[in-house]
């Protein structure tokens, strides 16, 4: 992959990772406030105990996704902090 393309791609991945973490935080806040209706309208079905999310026929394990994002985030931030390639 060309260095400039990789540089741009890493920044997009970082942005998406930050969105995942923000969404997970919003879900937790909604559940703590017992605002489950707002969450299920968006996701159809969410089990806070297992972290399993059903969204229009697709199923996701939110806890696993957030764990993976947290695992890759330090390395991604390190790579993104490098200057733009020439």
Protein backbone atom coordinates (compact mmCIF):
# COMPACT_ATOMS: atom_id res chain seq x y z
CA UNK A 1 0.00 0.00 0.00
CA UNK A 2 1.27 3.46 -0.81
CA UNK A 3 2.38 5.41 2.28
CA UNK A 4 -0.06 8.29 1.71
CA UNK A 5 -2.99 5.90 1.27
CA UNK A 6 -2.03 4.01 4.43
CA UNK A 7 -1.67 7.32 6.31
CA UNK A 8 -5.18 8.36 5.27
CA UNK A 9 -6.65 4.92 6.00
CA UNK A 10 -5.20 4.85 9.53
CA UNK A 11 -6.86 8.17 10.30
CA UNK A 12 -10.22 6.86 9.14
CA UNK A 13 -9.83 3.71 11.24
CA UNK A 14 -8.98 5.87 14.27
CA UNK A 15 -12.09 7.96 13.69
CA UNK A 16 -14.28 4.84 13.45
CA UNK A 17 -12.71 3.44 16.64
CA UNK A 18 -13.51 6.66 18.47
CA UNK A 19 -17.12 6.43 17.22
CA UNK A 20 -17.39 2.86 18.52
CA UNK A 21 -16.17 3.88 21.96
CA UNK A 22 -18.54 6.87 22.04
CA UNK A 23 -21.50 4.70 21.01
CA UNK A 24 -20.66 2.12 23.68
CA UNK A 25 -20.45 4.88 26.28
CA UNK A 26 -23.81 6.28 25.14
CA UNK A 27 -25.39 2.83 25.42
CA UNK A 28 -24.06 2.43 28.96
CA UNK A 29 -25.34 5.88 29.94
CA UNK A 30 -28.77 5.12 28.50
CA UNK A 31 -28.95 1.86 30.38
CA UNK A 32 -27.87 3.47 33.64
CA UNK A 33 -30.65 6.03 33.22
CA UNK A 34 -32.99 3.15 32.33
CA UNK A 35 -33.66 4.78 28.95
CA UNK A 36 -33.84 1.38 27.29
CA UNK A 37 -36.62 2.46 24.92
CA UNK A 38 -34.31 4.88 23.10
CA UNK A 39 -31.63 2.21 22.77
CA UNK A 40 -33.91 -0.56 21.48
CA UNK A 41 -35.50 1.74 18.88
CA UNK A 42 -32.08 2.19 17.34
CA UNK A 43 -30.75 -1.34 17.78
CA UNK A 44 -33.91 -3.46 17.86
CA UNK A 45 -32.52 -5.69 20.64
CA UNK A 46 -29.64 -5.27 23.07
CA UNK A 47 -28.78 -7.52 26.00
CA UNK A 48 -26.63 -5.51 28.43
CA UNK A 49 -25.58 -8.63 30.34
CA UNK A 50 -24.03 -10.36 27.32
CA UNK A 51 -23.40 -7.27 25.20
CA UNK A 52 -25.14 -8.92 22.25
CA UNK A 53 -26.75 -6.49 19.86
CA UNK A 54 -29.21 -7.24 17.08
CA UNK A 55 -29.44 -4.63 14.35
CA UNK A 56 -31.74 -5.30 11.40
CA UNK A 57 -30.97 -9.01 11.28
CA UNK A 58 -27.25 -8.78 12.02
CA UNK A 59 -25.86 -9.68 15.41
CA UNK A 60 -22.82 -8.16 17.12
CA UNK A 61 -21.03 -8.75 20.39
CA UNK A 62 -20.50 -5.20 21.63
CA UNK A 63 -18.19 -6.11 24.52
CA UNK A 64 -15.85 -7.98 22.14
CA UNK A 65 -15.84 -5.10 19.66
CA UNK A 66 -15.06 -2.54 22.35
CA UNK A 67 -12.30 -4.77 23.78
CA UNK A 68 -10.70 -5.09 20.35
CA UNK A 69 -10.92 -1.34 19.72
CA UNK A 70 -9.26 -0.66 23.08
CA UNK A 71 -6.55 -3.20 22.22
CA UNK A 72 -5.61 -1.63 18.87
CA UNK A 73 -6.16 2.02 19.82
CA UNK A 74 -2.73 2.73 21.41
CA UNK A 75 -0.83 1.42 18.37
CA UNK A 76 -3.17 3.19 16.00
CA UNK A 77 -2.76 6.51 17.83
CA UNK A 78 1.01 6.03 17.74
CA UNK A 79 0.96 5.44 13.98
CA UNK A 80 -1.43 8.32 13.33
CA UNK A 81 0.78 10.74 15.24
CA UNK A 82 3.54 10.28 12.67
CA UNK A 83 3.90 13.08 10.12
CA UNK A 84 2.20 12.91 6.75
CA UNK A 85 4.35 11.03 4.21
CA UNK A 86 5.74 13.02 1.32
